[in-house]
Amino acid sequence: MRTETYRKLSAWFYGHVWAYKLLVRLNNFLPALFYVLYPVLLGILAARGDARLWRVLCVPAAAFGVCTVVRRLVHAPRPYERVWFEPLMVHDGTGNSFPSRHVTSAAVIAAAYGYVWPLAGVVLGVAAGCIAVGRVLAGIHYPQDVLAGGVLGAGFGLVGFWLL
């Protein structure tokens, strides 16, 4: 996105307080939801002695690890570092924008749920998409950051849960 696009988006959200509050709340709530639901899934599988536990543990861990390594190697700046505008959400730190780790994690956790309960995977996949859109609208990521995160997380999920 261009600087002017971010400025227009920011102005719109600041002019519509309800939308701004919704964006901030969703950007905080949805990632937290995934980080609560993932250990719940692991706990359920462990309690049932389900053989899928190790796959559901290892595939997201691998996706998270690869995403973290790529972020450190690329060290891409965040939108607010390159262009003059104030992001709609406070974000500590610089760089490590590509790929989005929030979106990678959400996508692979959605795939993990889909592996165990397909309908839950679809619902969480939609929520992962909402995280991606919210991160861009908030000015924390570029569209390519969240797209790469989604492809990485979904790709690990597809290969790890259904192709291997």
N, C-alpha and C. Protein backbone atom coordinates (compact mmCIF):
# COMPACT_ATOMS: atom_id res chain seq x y z
N MET A 1 0.83 -1.19 0.00
CA MET A 1 0.00 0.00 0.00
C MET A 1 0.87 1.24 0.00
N ARG A 2 0.30 2.28 -0.52
CA ARG A 2 1.02 3.55 -0.55
C ARG A 2 0.73 4.35 0.71
N THR A 3 1.58 5.32 0.97
CA THR A 3 1.43 6.17 2.15
C THR A 3 0.06 6.82 2.17
N GLU A 4 -0.37 7.34 1.04
CA GLU A 4 -1.65 8.03 0.99
C GLU A 4 -2.82 7.10 1.33
N THR A 5 -2.71 5.86 0.92
CA THR A 5 -3.76 4.88 1.23
C THR A 5 -3.85 4.66 2.74
N TYR A 6 -2.70 4.50 3.38
CA TYR A 6 -2.70 4.32 4.84
C TYR A 6 -3.24 5.56 5.54
N ARG A 7 -2.87 6.72 5.06
CA ARG A 7 -3.37 7.95 5.68
C ARG A 7 -4.89 8.04 5.56
N LYS A 8 -5.42 7.69 4.40
CA LYS A 8 -6.87 7.73 4.22
C LYS A 8 -7.56 6.71 5.12
N LEU A 9 -6.99 5.51 5.20
CA LEU A 9 -7.56 4.49 6.09
C LEU A 9 -7.54 4.96 7.54
N SER A 10 -6.42 5.51 7.96
CA SER A 10 -6.30 5.99 9.33
C SER A 10 -7.32 7.09 9.61
N ALA A 11 -7.43 8.02 8.67
CA ALA A 11 -8.39 9.11 8.85
C ALA A 11 -9.81 8.58 8.96
N TRP A 12 -10.14 7.58 8.14
CA TRP A 12 -11.49 7.01 8.19
C TRP A 12 -11.73 6.36 9.55
N PHE A 13 -10.79 5.56 10.02
CA PHE A 13 -10.97 4.88 11.31
C PHE A 13 -11.02 5.88 12.46
N TYR A 14 -10.17 6.91 12.42
CA TYR A 14 -10.21 7.90 13.49
C TYR A 14 -11.51 8.71 13.45
N GLY A 15 -12.08 8.85 12.26
CA GLY A 15 -13.35 9.56 12.12
C GLY A 15 -14.56 8.72 12.49
N HIS A 16 -14.39 7.44 12.58
CA HIS A 16 -15.46 6.51 12.94
C HIS A 16 -14.99 5.71 14.16
N VAL A 17 -15.21 6.29 15.32
CA VAL A 17 -14.67 5.75 16.56
C VAL A 17 -15.11 4.30 16.78
N TRP A 18 -16.35 3.98 16.47
CA TRP A 18 -16.84 2.61 16.65
C TRP A 18 -16.02 1.62 15.83
N ALA A 19 -15.67 2.01 14.59
CA ALA A 19 -14.89 1.12 13.72
C ALA A 19 -13.46 0.99 14.24
N TYR A 20 -12.91 2.09 14.72
CA TYR A 20 -11.56 2.06 15.28
C TYR A 20 -11.51 1.13 16.49
N LYS A 21 -12.48 1.28 17.39
CA LYS A 21 -12.51 0.43 18.59
C LYS A 21 -12.70 -1.04 18.21
N LEU A 22 -13.55 -1.30 17.22
CA LEU A 22 -13.76 -2.68 16.77
C LEU A 22 -12.47 -3.26 16.19
N LEU A 23 -11.77 -2.48 15.38
CA LEU A 23 -10.51 -2.93 14.78
C LEU A 23 -9.49 -3.28 15.86
N VAL A 24 -9.34 -2.40 16.83
CA VAL A 24 -8.37 -2.63 17.91
C VAL A 24 -8.77 -3.86 18.73
N ARG A 25 -10.05 -3.96 19.05
CA ARG A 25 -10.50 -5.10 19.86
C ARG A 25 -10.31 -6.42 19.12
N LEU A 26 -10.66 -6.43 17.84
CA LEU A 26 -10.48 -7.67 17.07
C LEU A 26 -9.01 -8.02 16.91
N ASN A 27 -8.16 -7.00 16.71
CA ASN A 27 -6.72 -7.25 16.58
C ASN A 27 -6.12 -7.77 17.87
N ASN A 28 -6.74 -7.49 18.99
CA ASN A 28 -6.27 -8.02 20.27
C ASN A 28 -6.94 -9.35 20.60
N PHE A 29 -8.24 -9.45 20.36
CA PHE A 29 -9.00 -10.63 20.76
C PHE A 29 -8.70 -11.86 19.90
N LEU A 30 -8.71 -11.70 18.58
CA LEU A 30 -8.58 -12.88 17.72
C LEU A 30 -7.25 -13.62 17.91
N PRO A 31 -6.11 -12.94 17.92
CA PRO A 31 -4.87 -13.70 18.18
C PRO A 31 -4.89 -14.38 19.55
N ALA A 32 -5.42 -13.69 20.56
CA ALA A 32 -5.49 -14.29 21.90
C ALA A 32 -6.38 -15.53 21.88
N LEU A 33 -7.45 -15.49 21.11
CA LEU A 33 -8.33 -16.65 20.99
C LEU A 33 -7.57 -17.86 20.46
N PHE A 34 -6.76 -17.65 19.42
CA PHE A 34 -5.98 -18.75 18.86
C PHE A 34 -4.98 -19.30 19.88
N TYR A 35 -4.36 -18.40 20.63
CA TYR A 35 -3.34 -18.84 21.57
C TYR A 35 -3.95 -19.54 22.78
N VAL A 36 -5.25 -19.36 23.01
CA VAL A 36 -5.95 -20.13 24.03
C VAL A 36 -6.46 -21.45 23.45
N LEU A 37 -7.00 -21.39 22.25
CA LEU A 37 -7.59 -22.60 21.65
C LEU A 37 -6.56 -23.67 21.31
N TYR A 38 -5.35 -23.26 20.95
CA TYR A 38 -4.35 -24.26 20.57
C TYR A 38 -4.00 -25.19 21.73
N PRO A 39 -3.66 -24.67 22.92
CA PRO A 39 -3.40 -25.59 24.03
C PRO A 39 -4.63 -26.40 24.44
N VAL A 40 -5.82 -25.83 24.24
CA VAL A 40 -7.04 -26.59 24.52
C VAL A 40 -7.10 -27.82 23.62
N LEU A 41 -6.82 -27.62 22.33
CA LEU A 41 -6.82 -28.75 21.40
C LEU A 41 -5.79 -29.79 21.81
N LEU A 42 -4.59 -29.33 22.16
CA LEU A 42 -3.55 -30.27 22.60
C LEU A 42 -3.99 -31.03 23.84
N GLY A 43 -4.61 -30.33 24.78
CA GLY A 43 -5.08 -30.97 26.01
C GLY A 43 -6.15 -32.01 25.75
N ILE A 44 -7.08 -31.70 24.86
CA ILE A 44 -8.14 -32.66 24.53
C ILE A 44 -7.54 -33.91 23.89
N LEU A 45 -6.63 -33.70 22.94
CA LEU A 45 -6.02 -34.85 22.27
C LEU A 45 -5.20 -35.69 23.26
N ALA A 46 -4.49 -35.02 24.17
CA ALA A 46 -3.69 -35.75 25.16
C ALA A 46 -4.60 -36.53 26.11
N ALA A 47 -5.67 -35.90 26.56
CA ALA A 47 -6.58 -36.56 27.50
C ALA A 47 -7.24 -37.79 26.87
N ARG A 48 -7.46 -37.72 25.58
CA ARG A 48 -8.10 -38.85 24.89
C ARG A 48 -7.09 -39.91 24.43
N GLY A 49 -5.81 -39.60 24.59
CA GLY A 49 -4.79 -40.52 24.09
C GLY A 49 -4.81 -40.62 22.57
N ASP A 50 -5.20 -39.53 21.93
CA ASP A 50 -5.36 -39.49 20.47
C ASP A 50 -3.99 -39.48 19.79
N ALA A 51 -3.79 -40.36 18.84
CA ALA A 51 -2.50 -40.47 18.14
C ALA A 51 -2.17 -39.23 17.32
N ARG A 52 -3.16 -38.39 17.04
CA ARG A 52 -2.91 -37.17 16.26
C ARG A 52 -2.21 -36.08 17.07
N LEU A 53 -2.07 -36.29 18.37
CA LEU A 53 -1.46 -35.28 19.24
C LEU A 53 -0.10 -34.84 18.73
N TRP A 54 0.78 -35.77 18.41
CA TRP A 54 2.15 -35.39 18.04
C TRP A 54 2.18 -34.60 16.75
N ARG A 55 1.33 -34.95 15.81
CA ARG A 55 1.27 -34.20 14.55
C ARG A 55 0.74 -32.79 14.81
N VAL A 56 -0.29 -32.69 15.65
CA VAL A 56 -0.89 -31.38 15.97
C VAL A 56 0.09 -30.53 16.79
N LEU A 57 1.00 -31.16 17.47
CA LEU A 57 2.04 -30.42 18.20
C LEU A 57 3.18 -30.01 17.26
N CYS A 58 3.64 -30.91 16.43
CA CYS A 58 4.85 -30.68 15.63
C CYS A 58 4.65 -29.81 14.40
N VAL A 59 3.52 -29.94 13.72
CA VAL A 59 3.31 -29.16 12.49
C VAL A 59 3.26 -27.66 12.79
N PRO A 60 2.44 -27.20 13.74
CA PRO A 60 2.46 -25.76 14.06
C PRO A 60 3.82 -25.29 14.59
N ALA A 61 4.50 -26.13 15.37
CA ALA A 61 5.82 -25.75 15.87
C ALA A 61 6.79 -25.54 14.72
N ALA A 62 6.73 -26.41 13.72
CA ALA A 62 7.61 -26.27 12.55
C ALA A 62 7.27 -25.00 11.78
N ALA A 63 5.98 -24.72 11.58
CA ALA A 63 5.57 -23.51 10.86
C ALA A 63 6.04 -22.26 11.60
N PHE A 64 5.86 -22.25 12.92
CA PHE A 64 6.28 -21.12 13.74
C PHE A 64 7.80 -20.93 13.64
N GLY A 65 8.54 -22.02 13.71
CA GLY A 65 10.00 -21.94 13.64
C GLY A 65 10.48 -21.43 12.30
N VAL A 66 9.92 -21.95 11.21
CA VAL A 66 10.32 -21.49 9.87
C VAL A 66 9.96 -20.02 9.69
N CYS A 67 8.78 -19.63 10.13
CA CYS A 67 8.37 -18.23 10.03
C CYS A 67 9.34 -17.32 10.78
N THR A 68 9.72 -17.71 11.97
CA THR A 68 10.64 -16.91 12.78
C THR A 68 11.99 -16.77 12.10
N VAL A 69 12.51 -17.84 11.54
CA VAL A 69 13.80 -17.80 10.84
C VAL A 69 13.72 -16.89 9.62
N VAL A 70 12.66 -17.03 8.83
CA VAL A 70 12.50 -16.20 7.63
C VAL A 70 12.41 -14.73 8.03
N ARG A 71 11.66 -14.41 9.06
CA ARG A 71 11.53 -13.02 9.52
C ARG A 71 12.90 -12.43 9.88
N ARG A 72 13.70 -13.22 10.56
CA ARG A 72 15.02 -12.71 10.97
C ARG A 72 15.95 -12.56 9.78
N LEU A 73 15.84 -13.45 8.81
CA LEU A 73 16.68 -13.36 7.61
C LEU A 73 16.28 -12.18 6.74
N VAL A 74 14.99 -12.00 6.55
CA VAL A 74 14.49 -10.93 5.67
C VAL A 74 14.54 -9.58 6.39
N HIS A 75 14.16 -9.56 7.65
CA HIS A 75 14.12 -8.35 8.48
C HIS A 75 13.46 -7.18 7.74
N ALA A 76 12.30 -7.44 7.18
CA ALA A 76 11.57 -6.42 6.42
C ALA A 76 10.98 -5.38 7.36
N PRO A 77 11.08 -4.12 6.97
CA PRO A 77 10.50 -3.06 7.81
C PRO A 77 8.97 -3.11 7.79
N ARG A 78 8.40 -2.60 8.83
CA ARG A 78 6.94 -2.50 8.92
C ARG A 78 6.49 -1.23 8.19
N PRO A 79 5.23 -1.17 7.81
CA PRO A 79 4.76 0.00 7.04
C PRO A 79 5.05 1.33 7.73
N TYR A 80 4.86 1.40 9.03
CA TYR A 80 5.06 2.67 9.73
C TYR A 80 6.53 3.06 9.82
N GLU A 81 7.44 2.15 9.50
CA GLU A 81 8.87 2.48 9.48
C GLU A 81 9.28 3.12 8.16
N ARG A 82 8.59 2.78 7.09
CA ARG A 82 8.97 3.24 5.76
C ARG A 82 8.28 4.53 5.35
N VAL A 83 7.06 4.70 5.76
CA VAL A 83 6.28 5.85 5.32
C VAL A 83 5.79 6.61 6.54
N TRP A 84 5.54 7.87 6.35
CA TRP A 84 5.13 8.66 7.48
C TRP A 84 3.64 8.47 7.73
N PHE A 85 3.31 7.79 8.76
CA PHE A 85 1.95 7.73 9.27
C PHE A 85 2.02 7.03 10.62
N GLU A 86 1.00 7.26 11.40
CA GLU A 86 0.93 6.63 12.71
C GLU A 86 0.02 5.41 12.61
N PRO A 87 0.52 4.22 12.96
CA PRO A 87 -0.34 3.04 12.87
C PRO A 87 -1.52 3.17 13.83
N LEU A 88 -2.60 2.51 13.50
CA LEU A 88 -3.80 2.58 14.33
C LEU A 88 -3.64 1.84 15.65
N MET A 89 -2.66 0.96 15.72
CA MET A 89 -2.38 0.23 16.95
C MET A 89 -0.92 0.40 17.31
N VAL A 90 -0.65 0.49 18.58
CA VAL A 90 0.73 0.58 19.03
C VAL A 90 1.39 -0.78 18.82
N HIS A 91 2.57 -0.75 18.25
CA HIS A 91 3.31 -1.99 18.05
C HIS A 91 4.76 -1.73 18.42
N ASP A 92 5.26 -2.52 19.34
CA ASP A 92 6.66 -2.36 19.76
C ASP A 92 7.57 -3.02 18.75
N GLY A 93 8.70 -2.43 18.54
CA GLY A 93 9.71 -3.06 17.71
C GLY A 93 9.68 -2.61 16.27
N THR A 94 10.75 -2.97 15.60
CA THR A 94 10.89 -2.63 14.19
C THR A 94 11.30 -3.88 13.43
N GLY A 95 11.08 -3.84 12.14
CA GLY A 95 11.48 -4.96 11.29
C GLY A 95 10.68 -6.21 11.55
N ASN A 96 11.17 -7.31 11.00
CA ASN A 96 10.54 -8.63 11.17
C ASN A 96 9.06 -8.63 10.78
N SER A 97 8.74 -7.89 9.72
CA SER A 97 7.36 -7.79 9.29
C SER A 97 6.94 -8.93 8.37
N PHE A 98 7.90 -9.48 7.64
CA PHE A 98 7.60 -10.49 6.61
C PHE A 98 8.19 -11.84 6.98
N PRO A 99 7.39 -12.88 7.03
CA PRO A 99 5.93 -12.93 6.97
C PRO A 99 5.31 -12.67 8.33
N SER A 100 4.02 -12.41 8.34
CA SER A 100 3.32 -12.17 9.60
C SER A 100 3.26 -13.45 10.43
N ARG A 101 3.82 -13.40 11.62
CA ARG A 101 3.81 -14.57 12.49
C ARG A 101 2.42 -14.79 13.09
N HIS A 102 1.67 -13.72 13.33
CA HIS A 102 0.31 -13.88 13.82
C HIS A 102 -0.52 -14.68 12.81
N VAL A 103 -0.40 -14.30 11.54
CA VAL A 103 -1.21 -14.96 10.51
C VAL A 103 -0.71 -16.38 10.26
N THR A 104 0.61 -16.57 10.25
CA THR A 104 1.15 -17.92 10.09
C THR A 104 0.61 -18.83 11.19
N SER A 105 0.70 -18.37 12.42
CA SER A 105 0.23 -19.18 13.56
C SER A 105 -1.27 -19.44 13.47
N ALA A 106 -2.05 -18.41 13.17
CA ALA A 106 -3.50 -18.59 13.09
C ALA A 106 -3.87 -19.57 11.99
N ALA A 107 -3.22 -19.46 10.84
CA ALA A 107 -3.54 -20.35 9.71
C ALA A 107 -3.21 -21.80 10.03
N VAL A 108 -2.05 -22.04 10.63
CA VAL A 108 -1.67 -23.43 10.92
C VAL A 108 -2.49 -23.99 12.09
N ILE A 109 -2.88 -23.16 13.03
CA ILE A 109 -3.75 -23.63 14.12
C ILE A 109 -5.15 -23.93 13.58
N ALA A 110 -5.63 -23.09 12.65
CA ALA A 110 -6.92 -23.39 12.00
C ALA A 110 -6.84 -24.72 11.27
N ALA A 111 -5.72 -24.97 10.60
CA ALA A 111 -5.54 -26.25 9.90
C ALA A 111 -5.50 -27.41 10.89
N ALA A 112 -4.87 -27.20 12.05
CA ALA A 112 -4.82 -28.24 13.08
C ALA A 112 -6.22 -28.59 13.56
N TYR A 113 -7.03 -27.56 13.80
CA TYR A 113 -8.41 -27.82 14.19
C TYR A 113 -9.17 -28.51 13.06
N GLY A 114 -8.91 -28.09 11.83
CA GLY A 114 -9.57 -28.72 10.69
C GLY A 114 -9.20 -30.18 10.55
N TYR A 115 -8.01 -30.52 10.92
CA TYR A 115 -7.54 -31.91 10.89
C TYR A 115 -8.31 -32.77 11.87
N VAL A 116 -8.67 -32.18 13.00
CA VAL A 116 -9.40 -32.91 14.04
C VAL A 116 -10.92 -32.73 13.88
N TRP A 117 -11.36 -31.50 13.70
CA TRP A 117 -12.78 -31.17 13.53
C TRP A 117 -12.91 -30.22 12.35
N PRO A 118 -13.28 -30.72 11.18
CA PRO A 118 -13.31 -29.90 9.96
C PRO A 118 -14.10 -28.59 10.07
N LEU A 119 -15.27 -28.61 10.68
CA LEU A 119 -16.07 -27.38 10.77
C LEU A 119 -15.35 -26.33 11.61
N ALA A 120 -14.74 -26.73 12.70
CA ALA A 120 -13.98 -25.79 13.53
C ALA A 120 -12.82 -25.20 12.73
N GLY A 121 -12.21 -26.01 11.88
CA GLY A 121 -11.13 -25.52 11.04
C GLY A 121 -11.59 -24.44 10.07
N VAL A 122 -12.78 -24.61 9.52
CA VAL A 122 -13.32 -23.60 8.60
C VAL A 122 -13.58 -22.29 9.34
N VAL A 123 -14.22 -22.39 10.50
CA VAL A 123 -14.52 -21.19 11.29
C VAL A 123 -13.23 -20.48 11.68
N LEU A 124 -12.24 -21.22 12.13
CA LEU A 124 -10.97 -20.61 12.52
C LEU A 124 -10.20 -20.10 11.31
N GLY A 125 -10.38 -20.73 10.16
CA GLY A 125 -9.77 -20.21 8.94
C GLY A 125 -10.30 -18.83 8.59
N VAL A 126 -11.60 -18.64 8.76
CA VAL A 126 -12.20 -17.31 8.54
C VAL A 126 -11.64 -16.32 9.56
N ALA A 127 -11.51 -16.74 10.81
CA ALA A 127 -10.94 -15.87 11.84
C ALA A 127 -9.49 -15.52 11.52
N ALA A 128 -8.73 -16.47 10.98
CA ALA A 128 -7.35 -16.19 10.58
C ALA A 128 -7.32 -15.14 9.47
N GLY A 129 -8.26 -15.23 8.54
CA GLY A 129 -8.37 -14.22 7.50
C GLY A 129 -8.68 -12.85 8.07
N CYS A 130 -9.52 -12.81 9.10
CA CYS A 130 -9.84 -11.54 9.77
C CYS A 130 -8.60 -10.96 10.45
N ILE A 131 -7.78 -11.81 11.03
CA ILE A 131 -6.53 -11.34 11.63
C ILE A 131 -5.67 -10.70 10.55
N ALA A 132 -5.57 -11.35 9.40
CA ALA A 132 -4.74 -10.83 8.31
C ALA A 132 -5.22 -9.45 7.88
N VAL A 133 -6.51 -9.31 7.66
CA VAL A 133 -7.06 -8.02 7.24
C VAL A 133 -6.84 -6.97 8.32
N GLY A 134 -7.08 -7.34 9.56
CA GLY A 134 -6.91 -6.40 10.66
C GLY A 134 -5.49 -5.90 10.82
N ARG A 135 -4.51 -6.77 10.61
CA ARG A 135 -3.11 -6.37 10.74
C ARG A 135 -2.73 -5.35 9.66
N VAL A 136 -3.28 -5.53 8.47
CA VAL A 136 -3.01 -4.57 7.39
C VAL A 136 -3.72 -3.25 7.66
N LEU A 137 -5.01 -3.32 8.01
CA LEU A 137 -5.76 -2.09 8.28
C LEU A 137 -5.16 -1.29 9.42
N ALA A 138 -4.60 -1.98 10.41
CA ALA A 138 -3.99 -1.29 11.55
C ALA A 138 -2.65 -0.67 11.21
N GLY A 139 -2.09 -1.00 10.03
CA GLY A 139 -0.81 -0.43 9.63
C GLY A 139 0.39 -1.14 10.20
N ILE A 140 0.20 -2.36 10.69
CA ILE A 140 1.28 -3.12 11.30
C ILE A 140 1.99 -3.98 10.27
N HIS A 141 1.26 -4.38 9.21
CA HIS A 141 1.81 -5.23 8.16
C HIS A 141 1.40 -4.73 6.79
N TYR A 142 2.22 -5.05 5.81
CA TYR A 142 1.84 -4.88 4.41
C TYR A 142 0.99 -6.07 4.00
N PRO A 143 0.18 -5.92 2.93
CA PRO A 143 -0.60 -7.07 2.46
C PRO A 143 0.26 -8.29 2.15
N GLN A 144 1.43 -8.10 1.57
CA GLN A 144 2.28 -9.25 1.23
C GLN A 144 2.78 -9.97 2.48
N ASP A 145 2.90 -9.27 3.61
CA ASP A 145 3.31 -9.91 4.86
C ASP A 145 2.27 -10.92 5.34
N VAL A 146 1.01 -10.49 5.32
CA VAL A 146 -0.04 -11.38 5.81
C VAL A 146 -0.36 -12.47 4.79
N LEU A 147 -0.23 -12.14 3.51
CA LEU A 147 -0.45 -13.16 2.48
C LEU A 147 0.59 -14.27 2.61
N ALA A 148 1.85 -13.88 2.78
CA ALA A 148 2.92 -14.87 2.95
C ALA A 148 2.71 -15.68 4.22
N GLY A 149 2.29 -15.02 5.29
CA GLY A 149 2.01 -15.74 6.54
C GLY A 149 0.88 -16.74 6.37
N GLY A 150 -0.17 -16.34 5.67
CA GLY A 150 -1.28 -17.25 5.43
C GLY A 150 -0.89 -18.44 4.58
N VAL A 151 -0.11 -18.18 3.53
CA VAL A 151 0.34 -19.27 2.65
C VAL A 151 1.27 -20.21 3.42
N LEU A 152 2.16 -19.64 4.23
CA LEU A 152 3.09 -20.46 5.01
C LEU A 152 2.33 -21.34 6.00
N GLY A 153 1.43 -20.74 6.78
CA GLY A 153 0.68 -21.51 7.77
C GLY A 153 -0.23 -22.54 7.14
N ALA A 154 -0.97 -22.14 6.11
CA ALA A 154 -1.87 -23.08 5.43
C ALA A 154 -1.07 -24.16 4.70
N GLY A 155 0.06 -23.77 4.13
CA GLY A 155 0.91 -24.74 3.44
C GLY A 155 1.45 -25.80 4.38
N PHE A 156 1.94 -25.37 5.53
CA PHE A 156 2.40 -26.34 6.53
C PHE A 156 1.25 -27.22 6.98
N GLY A 157 0.06 -26.62 7.14
CA GLY A 157 -1.10 -27.40 7.54
C GLY A 157 -1.48 -28.43 6.49
N LEU A 158 -1.52 -28.02 5.25
CA LEU A 158 -1.89 -28.93 4.16
C LEU A 158 -0.91 -30.10 4.07
N VAL A 159 0.37 -29.76 4.03
CA VAL A 159 1.39 -30.81 3.92
C VAL A 159 1.44 -31.66 5.18
N GLY A 160 1.49 -31.01 6.33
CA GLY A 160 1.68 -31.74 7.59
C GLY A 160 0.49 -32.56 8.04
N PHE A 161 -0.72 -32.09 7.73
CA PHE A 161 -1.90 -32.80 8.22
C PHE A 161 -2.55 -33.71 7.18
N TRP A 162 -2.39 -33.38 5.90
CA TRP A 162 -3.13 -34.16 4.91
C TRP A 162 -2.26 -34.85 3.86
N LEU A 163 -1.05 -34.37 3.63
CA LEU A 163 -0.23 -34.98 2.58
C LEU A 163 0.85 -35.92 3.10
N LEU A 164 1.25 -35.77 4.35
CA LEU A 164 2.28 -36.66 4.90
C LEU A 164 1.67 -37.84 5.63
